[in-house]
């Protein structure tokens, strides 16, 4: 029996399940293309970009990340740019990083809800088709009256169970693909969080080191000012001591008696004697 015959015997429900299967396959292939083009699987650059960040060379880290695609690389670039902007507060940095991270995750999760819908709805549609088929089969048995043919009932049940098989055949690959894709997205989310925490933690260390360096420089400046002040005080004390010694010498000179010759020179009246 060909596939078209199975779809025809399954009725409208089987046609809907076929449409859902096509949609699920389209989503799966789209996610494979999306993840490949977005560079989701590329994580080899992380160590190379984190090395200059640990040394405080943020410009070098930005240069390494510039040609790299992917959500992890973008969140690292945003975190580094936020660190470079010294005017941004820590809360503003975290808000900006969270905004960009949520945007990247939403992009990766696009159409994922549709795949989840297929995985959830397909078994229910299959069960619905089976119930409808069973109703039709028993309706035919009721119309046959006493001329009941067991083969008629078997054929009706067989056709009714086709939709259940179709629903499970669509749902099982869809739910498997959903969990695989969700696992990849969760891994990307974890990598984004990890690199963000590392960058911000290193920034905290840099800030503490800068504050400690500033404290040391300020203390050294205060010590230098104190040294200069003490030198100035020592000079003033030495100058005062010199002035006091000079004043003492002058005072001593004034209090010493003058010799006779000196007095004669000072007072010519002494020449008469």
C-alpha atoms as a PDB file:
ATOM      1  CA  UNK A   1       0.000   0.000   0.000  1.00  0.00           C
ATOM      2  CA  UNK A   2       1.454   3.350  -1.017  1.00  0.00           C
ATOM      3  CA  UNK A   3       1.747   6.437   1.116  1.00  0.00           C
ATOM      4  CA  UNK A   4      -1.051   8.165  -0.727  1.00  0.00           C
ATOM      5  CA  UNK A   5      -3.366   5.260   0.070  1.00  0.00           C
ATOM      6  CA  UNK A   6      -2.469   5.522   3.762  1.00  0.00           C
ATOM      7  CA  UNK A   7      -3.152   9.256   3.744  1.00  0.00           C
ATOM      8  CA  UNK A   8      -6.452   8.681   1.974  1.00  0.00           C
ATOM      9  CA  UNK A   9      -7.564   6.036   4.465  1.00  0.00           C
ATOM     10  CA  UNK A  10      -6.465   8.217   7.408  1.00  0.00           C
ATOM     11  CA  UNK A  11      -8.719  11.010   6.221  1.00  0.00           C
ATOM     12  CA  UNK A  12      -8.426  14.707   7.069  1.00  0.00           C
ATOM     13  CA  UNK A  13      -6.476  14.077  10.236  1.00  0.00           C
ATOM     14  CA  UNK A  14      -3.755  12.294   8.293  1.00  0.00           C
ATOM     15  CA  UNK A  15      -3.522  15.246   5.894  1.00  0.00           C
ATOM     16  CA  UNK A  16      -3.069  17.610   8.859  1.00  0.00           C
ATOM     17  CA  UNK A  17      -0.381  15.335  10.307  1.00  0.00           C
ATOM     18  CA  UNK A  18       1.401  15.360   6.962  1.00  0.00           C
ATOM     19  CA  UNK A  19       1.371  19.149   6.990  1.00  0.00           C
ATOM     20  CA  UNK A  20       2.741  19.194  10.535  1.00  0.00           C
ATOM     21  CA  UNK A  21       5.511  16.799   9.566  1.00  0.00           C
ATOM     22  CA  UNK A  22       6.531  19.057   6.674  1.00  0.00           C
ATOM     23  CA  UNK A  23       6.546  22.066   9.002  1.00  0.00           C
ATOM     24  CA  UNK A  24       8.625  20.200  11.606  1.00  0.00           C
ATOM     25  CA  UNK A  25      11.189  19.164   8.990  1.00  0.00           C
ATOM     26  CA  UNK A  26      11.364  22.733   7.711  1.00  0.00           C
ATOM     27  CA  UNK A  27      12.023  24.027  11.253  1.00  0.00           C
ATOM     28  CA  UNK A  28      14.708  21.408  11.889  1.00  0.00           C
ATOM     29  CA  UNK A  29      16.597  22.205   8.677  1.00  0.00           C
ATOM     30  CA  UNK A  30      16.202  25.934   9.332  1.00  0.00           C
ATOM     31  CA  UNK A  31      17.671  25.585  12.823  1.00  0.00           C
ATOM     32  CA  UNK A  32      20.634  23.633  11.448  1.00  0.00           C
ATOM     33  CA  UNK A  33      21.287  26.393   8.916  1.00  0.00           C
ATOM     34  CA  UNK A  34      20.704  29.127  11.502  1.00  0.00           C
ATOM     35  CA  UNK A  35      23.112  27.646  14.031  1.00  0.00           C
ATOM     36  CA  UNK A  36      25.769  27.028  11.387  1.00  0.00           C
ATOM     37  CA  UNK A  37      25.567  30.549   9.941  1.00  0.00           C
ATOM     38  CA  UNK A  38      25.482  32.141  13.403  1.00  0.00           C
ATOM     39  CA  UNK A  39      28.646  30.354  14.512  1.00  0.00           C
ATOM     40  CA  UNK A  40      26.985  28.696  17.475  1.00  0.00           C
ATOM     41  CA  UNK A  41      29.328  25.731  17.397  1.00  0.00           C
ATOM     42  CA  UNK A  42      32.488  27.897  17.351  1.00  0.00           C
ATOM     43  CA  UNK A  43      33.883  28.306  20.870  1.00  0.00           C
ATOM     44  CA  UNK A  44      37.613  27.995  20.160  1.00  0.00           C
ATOM     45  CA  UNK A  45      38.082  31.759  20.214  1.00  0.00           C
ATOM     46  CA  UNK A  46      37.086  32.142  23.863  1.00  0.00           C
ATOM     47  CA  UNK A  47      40.470  31.288  25.397  1.00  0.00           C
ATOM     48  CA  UNK A  48      42.322  33.427  22.874  1.00  0.00           C
ATOM     49  CA  UNK A  49      40.074  36.415  23.590  1.00  0.00           C
ATOM     50  CA  UNK A  50      40.125  35.981  27.357  1.00  0.00           C
ATOM     51  CA  UNK A  51      43.946  36.024  27.534  1.00  0.00           C
ATOM     52  CA  UNK A  52      44.325  39.762  26.692  1.00  0.00           C
ATOM     53  CA  UNK A  53      41.314  40.559  28.877  1.00  0.00           C
ATOM     54  CA  UNK A  54      43.091  38.982  31.851  1.00  0.00           C
ATOM     55  CA  UNK A  55      46.104  41.185  31.100  1.00  0.00           C
ATOM     56  CA  UNK A  56      43.899  44.259  30.910  1.00  0.00           C
ATOM     57  CA  UNK A  57      44.432  44.691  27.150  1.00  0.00           C
ATOM     58  CA  UNK A  58      40.803  45.337  26.223  1.00  0.00           C
ATOM     59  CA  UNK A  59      41.580  46.858  22.822  1.00  0.00           C
ATOM     60  CA  UNK A  60      43.480  43.747  21.798  1.00  0.00           C
ATOM     61  CA  UNK A  61      40.576  41.556  22.952  1.00  0.00           C
ATOM     62  CA  UNK A  62      38.129  43.630  20.896  1.00  0.00           C
ATOM     63  CA  UNK A  63      40.371  43.254  17.849  1.00  0.00           C
ATOM     64  CA  UNK A  64      40.377  39.468  18.238  1.00  0.00           C
ATOM     65  CA  UNK A  65      36.592  39.314  18.638  1.00  0.00           C
ATOM     66  CA  UNK A  66      35.788  41.691  15.783  1.00  0.00           C
ATOM     67  CA  UNK A  67      35.719  39.114  12.927  1.00  0.00           C
ATOM     68  CA  UNK A  68      34.129  36.346  15.029  1.00  0.00           C
ATOM     69  CA  UNK A  69      30.429  35.619  14.583  1.00  0.00           C
ATOM     70  CA  UNK A  70      28.067  34.153  17.117  1.00  0.00           C
ATOM     71  CA  UNK A  71      26.177  35.110  20.284  1.00  0.00           C
ATOM     72  CA  UNK A  72      29.084  34.334  22.614  1.00  0.00           C
ATOM     73  CA  UNK A  73      31.453  36.596  20.682  1.00  0.00           C
ATOM     74  CA  UNK A  74      28.876  39.373  20.580  1.00  0.00           C
ATOM     75  CA  UNK A  75      28.173  39.251  24.300  1.00  0.00           C
ATOM     76  CA  UNK A  76      31.927  39.384  24.962  1.00  0.00           C
ATOM     77  CA  UNK A  77      32.285  42.444  22.719  1.00  0.00           C
ATOM     78  CA  UNK A  78      29.391  44.153  24.500  1.00  0.00           C
ATOM     79  CA  UNK A  79      30.860  43.353  27.931  1.00  0.00           C
ATOM     80  CA  UNK A  80      34.279  44.707  26.907  1.00  0.00           C
ATOM     81  CA  UNK A  81      32.731  47.871  25.427  1.00  0.00           C
ATOM     82  CA  UNK A  82      30.788  48.396  28.655  1.00  0.00           C
ATOM     83  CA  UNK A  83      33.990  48.051  30.658  1.00  0.00           C
ATOM     84  CA  UNK A  84      35.777  50.551  28.437  1.00  0.00           C
ATOM     85  CA  UNK A  85      33.051  53.109  29.155  1.00  0.00           C
ATOM     86  CA  UNK A  86      34.061  54.281  32.617  1.00  0.00           C
ATOM     87  CA  UNK A  87      30.996  56.509  32.864  1.00  0.00           C
ATOM     88  CA  UNK A  88      28.637  53.499  32.981  1.00  0.00           C
ATOM     89  CA  UNK A  89      27.644  52.204  36.389  1.00  0.00           C
ATOM     90  CA  UNK A  90      27.746  48.510  37.214  1.00  0.00           C
ATOM     91  CA  UNK A  91      23.946  48.298  37.059  1.00  0.00           C
ATOM     92  CA  UNK A  92      23.894  49.920  33.612  1.00  0.00           C
ATOM     93  CA  UNK A  93      26.527  47.498  32.391  1.00  0.00           C
ATOM     94  CA  UNK A  94      24.600  44.491  33.644  1.00  0.00           C
ATOM     95  CA  UNK A  95      21.376  45.808  32.084  1.00  0.00           C
ATOM     96  CA  UNK A  96      23.018  46.329  28.694  1.00  0.00           C
ATOM     97  CA  UNK A  97      24.655  42.896  28.745  1.00  0.00           C
ATOM     98  CA  UNK A  98      21.363  41.281  29.791  1.00  0.00           C
ATOM     99  CA  UNK A  99      19.497  43.070  27.001  1.00  0.00           C
ATOM    100  CA  UNK A 100      21.904  41.909  24.305  1.00  0.00           C
ATOM    101  CA  UNK A 101      22.028  38.390  25.735  1.00  0.00           C
ATOM    102  CA  UNK A 102      18.224  38.112  25.754  1.00  0.00           C
ATOM    103  CA  UNK A 103      18.110  39.342  22.164  1.00  0.00           C
ATOM    104  CA  UNK A 104      20.592  36.678  21.053  1.00  0.00           C
ATOM    105  CA  UNK A 105      18.739  33.900  22.890  1.00  0.00           C
ATOM    106  CA  UNK A 106      15.404  34.976  21.403  1.00  0.00           C
ATOM    107  CA  UNK A 107      16.958  34.784  17.954  1.00  0.00           C
ATOM    108  CA  UNK A 108      18.198  31.250  18.607  1.00  0.00           C
ATOM    109  CA  UNK A 109      14.810  30.217  20.014  1.00  0.00           C
ATOM    110  CA  UNK A 110      12.876  31.403  16.968  1.00  0.00           C
ATOM    111  CA  UNK A 111      10.414  28.773  15.646  1.00  0.00           C
ATOM    112  CA  UNK A 112      11.310  26.484  18.533  1.00  0.00           C
ATOM    113  CA  UNK A 113       7.834  26.892  20.006  1.00  0.00           C
ATOM    114  CA  UNK A 114       6.384  25.701  16.688  1.00  0.00           C
ATOM    115  CA  UNK A 115       8.438  22.530  16.908  1.00  0.00           C
ATOM    116  CA  UNK A 116       7.212  22.020  20.457  1.00  0.00           C
ATOM    117  CA  UNK A 117       3.657  22.545  19.271  1.00  0.00           C
ATOM    118  CA  UNK A 118       4.060  19.833  16.628  1.00  0.00           C
ATOM    119  CA  UNK A 119       5.510  17.406  19.179  1.00  0.00           C
ATOM    120  CA  UNK A 120       2.598  18.066  21.550  1.00  0.00           C
ATOM    121  CA  UNK A 121      -0.246  18.239  19.039  1.00  0.00           C
ATOM    122  CA  UNK A 122       0.588  15.345  16.703  1.00  0.00           C
ATOM    123  CA  UNK A 123      -0.215  12.522  19.189  1.00  0.00           C
ATOM    124  CA  UNK A 124      -3.476  14.208  20.136  1.00  0.00           C
ATOM    125  CA  UNK A 125      -4.461  14.557  16.488  1.00  0.00           C
ATOM    126  CA  UNK A 126      -3.585  10.904  15.943  1.00  0.00           C
ATOM    127  CA  UNK A 127      -5.757   9.902  18.875  1.00  0.00           C
ATOM    128  CA  UNK A 128      -8.568  12.089  17.561  1.00  0.00           C
ATOM    129  CA  UNK A 129      -8.346  10.442  14.158  1.00  0.00           C
ATOM    130  CA  UNK A 130      -8.443   7.014  15.790  1.00  0.00           C
ATOM    131  CA  UNK A 131     -11.532   7.904  17.792  1.00  0.00           C
ATOM    132  CA  UNK A 132     -13.252   9.257  14.668  1.00  0.00           C
ATOM    133  CA  UNK A 133     -12.342   6.089  12.768  1.00  0.00           C
ATOM    134  CA  UNK A 134     -13.670   3.898  15.560  1.00  0.00           C
ATOM    135  CA  UNK A 135     -16.918   5.841  15.565  1.00  0.00           C
ATOM    136  CA  UNK A 136     -17.265   5.320  11.826  1.00  0.00           C
ATOM    137  CA  UNK A 137     -16.485   1.606  12.123  1.00  0.00           C
ATOM    138  CA  UNK A 138     -19.034   0.991  14.833  1.00  0.00           C
ATOM    139  CA  UNK A 139     -21.535   3.116  12.925  1.00  0.00           C
ATOM    140  CA  UNK A 140     -21.163   0.791   9.944  1.00  0.00           C
ATOM    141  CA  UNK A 141     -21.625  -2.205  12.232  1.00  0.00           C
ATOM    142  CA  UNK A 142     -24.796  -0.678  13.569  1.00  0.00           C
ATOM    143  CA  UNK A 143     -26.120  -0.134  10.063  1.00  0.00           C
ATOM    144  CA  UNK A 144     -25.326  -3.756   9.113  1.00  0.00           C
ATOM    145  CA  UNK A 145     -27.659  -5.054  11.792  1.00  0.00           C
ATOM    146  CA  UNK A 146     -27.621  -8.838  12.110  1.00  0.00           C
ATOM    147  CA  UNK A 147     -25.372  -9.189   9.081  1.00  0.00           C
ATOM    148  CA  UNK A 148     -22.234  -8.292  11.030  1.00  0.00           C
ATOM    149  CA  UNK A 149     -18.988  -9.217   9.318  1.00  0.00           C
ATOM    150  CA  UNK A 150     -15.951  -9.338  11.639  1.00  0.00           C
ATOM    151  CA  UNK A 151     -13.704  -8.390   8.749  1.00  0.00           C
ATOM    152  CA  UNK A 152     -15.612  -5.124   8.432  1.00  0.00           C
ATOM    153  CA  UNK A 153     -14.876  -4.277  12.058  1.00  0.00           C
ATOM    154  CA  UNK A 154     -11.219  -5.258  11.679  1.00  0.00           C
ATOM    155  CA  UNK A 155     -10.842  -3.100   8.582  1.00  0.00           C
ATOM    156  CA  UNK A 156     -12.436  -0.122  10.319  1.00  0.00           C
ATOM    157  CA  UNK A 157     -10.207  -0.438  13.357  1.00  0.00           C
ATOM    158  CA  UNK A 158      -7.117  -0.853  11.170  1.00  0.00           C
ATOM    159  CA  UNK A 159      -7.890   2.316   9.258  1.00  0.00           C
ATOM    160  CA  UNK A 160      -8.633   4.178  12.499  1.00  0.00           C
ATOM    161  CA  UNK A 161      -5.286   3.235  14.028  1.00  0.00           C
ATOM    162  CA  UNK A 162      -3.433   4.701  11.053  1.00  0.00           C
ATOM    163  CA  UNK A 163      -3.799   8.221  12.444  1.00  0.00           C
ATOM    164  CA  UNK A 164      -2.358   7.183  15.798  1.00  0.00           C
ATOM    165  CA  UNK A 165       0.676   5.724  14.052  1.00  0.00           C
ATOM    166  CA  UNK A 166       0.975   8.878  11.946  1.00  0.00           C
ATOM    167  CA  UNK A 167       0.724  11.129  14.988  1.00  0.00           C
ATOM    168  CA  UNK A 168       3.440   9.222  16.849  1.00  0.00           C
ATOM    169  CA  UNK A 169       5.626   9.122  13.741  1.00  0.00           C
ATOM    170  CA  UNK A 170       5.462  12.906  13.541  1.00  0.00           C
ATOM    171  CA  UNK A 171       5.718  13.604  17.272  1.00  0.00           C
ATOM    172  CA  UNK A 172       8.701  11.393  18.153  1.00  0.00           C
ATOM    173  CA  UNK A 173      11.235  13.024  15.766  1.00  0.00           C
ATOM    174  CA  UNK A 174       9.840  16.452  16.580  1.00  0.00           C
ATOM    175  CA  UNK A 175      10.234  16.042  20.343  1.00  0.00           C
ATOM    176  CA  UNK A 176      13.722  14.566  19.868  1.00  0.00           C
ATOM    177  CA  UNK A 177      14.787  17.477  17.669  1.00  0.00           C
ATOM    178  CA  UNK A 178      13.263  19.929  20.137  1.00  0.00           C
ATOM    179  CA  UNK A 179      15.326  18.624  23.042  1.00  0.00           C
ATOM    180  CA  UNK A 180      18.518  18.552  20.973  1.00  0.00           C
ATOM    181  CA  UNK A 181      18.038  22.140  19.806  1.00  0.00           C
ATOM    182  CA  UNK A 182      17.061  23.269  23.290  1.00  0.00           C
ATOM    183  CA  UNK A 183      20.211  21.621  24.662  1.00  0.00           C
ATOM    184  CA  UNK A 184      22.364  23.517  22.162  1.00  0.00           C
ATOM    185  CA  UNK A 185      20.701  26.796  23.097  1.00  0.00           C
ATOM    186  CA  UNK A 186      21.175  26.048  26.792  1.00  0.00           C
ATOM    187  CA  UNK A 187      24.865  25.389  26.163  1.00  0.00           C
ATOM    188  CA  UNK A 188      25.163  28.717  24.354  1.00  0.00           C
ATOM    189  CA  UNK A 189      23.342  30.463  27.201  1.00  0.00           C
ATOM    190  CA  UNK A 190      25.726  28.894  29.715  1.00  0.00           C
ATOM    191  CA  UNK A 191      28.782  29.958  27.673  1.00  0.00           C
ATOM    192  CA  UNK A 192      27.464  33.518  27.405  1.00  0.00           C
ATOM    193  CA  UNK A 193      26.908  33.685  31.146  1.00  0.00           C
ATOM    194  CA  UNK A 194      30.323  32.203  31.876  1.00  0.00           C
ATOM    195  CA  UNK A 195      32.307  34.640  29.723  1.00  0.00           C
ATOM    196  CA  UNK A 196      30.268  37.585  31.003  1.00  0.00           C
ATOM    197  CA  UNK A 197      30.946  36.661  34.618  1.00  0.00           C
ATOM    198  CA  UNK A 198      34.656  36.251  33.853  1.00  0.00           C
ATOM    199  CA  UNK A 199      34.925  39.629  32.137  1.00  0.00           C
ATOM    200  CA  UNK A 200      33.019  41.474  34.868  1.00  0.00           C
ATOM    201  CA  UNK A 201      34.990  39.674  37.597  1.00  0.00           C
ATOM    202  CA  UNK A 202      38.260  40.700  35.961  1.00  0.00           C
ATOM    203  CA  UNK A 203      36.944  44.245  35.728  1.00  0.00           C
ATOM    204  CA  UNK A 204      36.255  44.193  39.471  1.00  0.00           C
ATOM    205  CA  UNK A 205      39.840  43.086  40.056  1.00  0.00           C
ATOM    206  CA  UNK A 206      41.114  45.847  37.795  1.00  0.00           C
ATOM    207  CA  UNK A 207      39.030  48.409  39.658  1.00  0.00           C
ATOM    208  CA  UNK A 208      40.317  47.198  42.998  1.00  0.00           C
ATOM    209  CA  UNK A 209      43.883  47.305  41.721  1.00  0.00           C
ATOM    210  CA  UNK A 210      43.363  50.797  40.346  1.00  0.00           C
ATOM    211  CA  UNK A 211      41.888  51.961  43.636  1.00  0.00           C
ATOM    212  CA  UNK A 212      44.776  50.399  45.525  1.00  0.00           C
ATOM    213  CA  UNK A 213      47.247  52.024  43.148  1.00  0.00           C
ATOM    214  CA  UNK A 214      45.541  55.376  43.570  1.00  0.00           C
ATOM    215  CA  UNK A 215      45.628  54.944  47.334  1.00  0.00           C
ATOM    216  CA  UNK A 216      49.333  54.155  47.214  1.00  0.00           C
ATOM    217  CA  UNK A 217      50.013  57.146  44.962  1.00  0.00           C
ATOM    218  CA  UNK A 218      47.996  59.450  47.185  1.00  0.00           C
ATOM    219  CA  UNK A 219      49.817  58.142  50.255  1.00  0.00           C
ATOM    220  CA  UNK A 220      53.154  58.680  48.509  1.00  0.00           C
ATOM    221  CA  UNK A 221      52.078  62.210  47.582  1.00  0.00           C
ATOM    222  CA  UNK A 222      51.070  62.902  51.183  1.00  0.00           C
ATOM    223  CA  UNK A 223      54.400  61.538  52.409  1.00  0.00           C
ATOM    224  CA  UNK A 224      56.248  63.763  49.942  1.00  0.00           C
ATOM    225  CA  UNK A 225      54.251  66.794  51.064  1.00  0.00           C
ATOM    226  CA  UNK A 226      54.993  65.933  54.695  1.00  0.00           C
ATOM    227  CA  UNK A 227      58.688  65.587  53.891  1.00  0.00           C
ATOM    228  CA  UNK A 228      58.739  68.956  52.126  1.00  0.00           C
ATOM    229  CA  UNK A 229      56.893  70.533  55.041  1.00  0.00           C
ATOM    230  CA  UNK A 230      59.432  69.155  57.507  1.00  0.00           C
ATOM    231  CA  UNK A 231      62.318  70.379  55.361  1.00  0.00           C
ATOM    232  CA  UNK A 232      60.737  73.814  55.252  1.00  0.00           C
ATOM    233  CA  UNK A 233      60.298  73.776  59.037  1.00  0.00           C
ATOM    234  CA  UNK A 234      63.926  72.685  59.462  1.00  0.00           C
ATOM    235  CA  UNK A 235      65.084  75.511  57.207  1.00  0.00           C
ATOM    236  CA  UNK A 236      62.994  78.012  59.123  1.00  0.00           C
ATOM    237  CA  UNK A 237      64.421  76.714  62.398  1.00  0.00           C
ATOM    238  CA  UNK A 238      67.978  76.941  61.050  1.00  0.00           C
ATOM    239  CA  UNK A 239      67.311  80.444  59.755  1.00  0.00           C
ATOM    240  CA  UNK A 240      65.905  81.492  63.096  1.00  0.00           C
ATOM    241  CA  UNK A 241      68.904  80.028  64.876  1.00  0.00           C
ATOM    242  CA  UNK A 242      71.245  81.955  62.566  1.00  0.00           C
ATOM    243  CA  UNK A 243      69.333  85.171  63.163  1.00  0.00           C
ATOM    244  CA  UNK A 244      69.405  84.571  66.918  1.00  0.00           C
ATOM    245  CA  UNK A 245      73.162  83.996  66.822  1.00  0.00           C
ATOM    246  CA  UNK A 246      73.705  87.172  64.825  1.00  0.00           C
ATOM    247  CA  UNK A 247      71.544  89.155  67.211  1.00  0.00           C
ATOM    248  CA  UNK A 248      73.423  87.688  70.129  1.00  0.00           C
ATOM    249  CA  UNK A 249      76.747  88.631  68.540  1.00  0.00           C
ATOM    250  CA  UNK A 250      75.600  92.180  67.925  1.00  0.00           C
ATOM    251  CA  UNK A 251      74.307  92.438  71.450  1.00  0.00           C
ATOM    252  CA  UNK A 252      77.623  91.197  72.831  1.00  0.00           C
ATOM    253  CA  UNK A 253      79.530  93.647  70.712  1.00  0.00           C
ATOM    254  CA  UNK A 254      77.478  96.522  72.027  1.00  0.00           C
ATOM    255  CA  UNK A 255      77.964  95.539  75.653  1.00  0.00           C
ATOM    256  CA  UNK A 256      81.837  95.250  75.388  1.00  0.00           C
ATOM    257  CA  UNK A 257      83.844  98.389  76.723  1.00  0.00           C
ATOM    258  CA  UNK A 258      85.614 100.415  73.992  1.00  0.00           C
ATOM    259  CA  UNK A 259      89.399 100.926  74.063  1.00  0.00           C
ATOM    260  CA  UNK A 260      90.989 104.380  74.695  1.00  0.00           C
ATOM    261  CA  UNK A 261      92.201 104.805  71.199  1.00  0.00           C
ATOM    262  CA  UNK A 262      88.818 103.973  69.937  1.00  0.00           C
ATOM    263  CA  UNK A 263      87.261 106.483  72.313  1.00  0.00           C
ATOM    264  CA  UNK A 264      89.719 109.175  71.131  1.00  0.00           C
ATOM    265  CA  UNK A 265      88.791 108.555  67.616  1.00  0.00           C
ATOM    266  CA  UNK A 266      85.158 108.698  68.488  1.00  0.00           C
ATOM    267  CA  UNK A 267      85.579 111.846  70.671  1.00  0.00           C
ATOM    268  CA  UNK A 268      88.257 114.366  69.564  1.00  0.00           C
ATOM    269  CA  UNK A 269      88.069 116.201  72.912  1.00  0.00           C
ATOM    270  CA  UNK A 270      90.303 113.557  74.410  1.00  0.00           C
ATOM    271  CA  UNK A 271      93.272 115.029  72.434  1.00  0.00           C
ATOM    272  CA  UNK A 272      93.557 117.931  74.790  1.00  0.00           C
ATOM    273  CA  UNK A 273      94.878 115.847  77.643  1.00  0.00           C
END
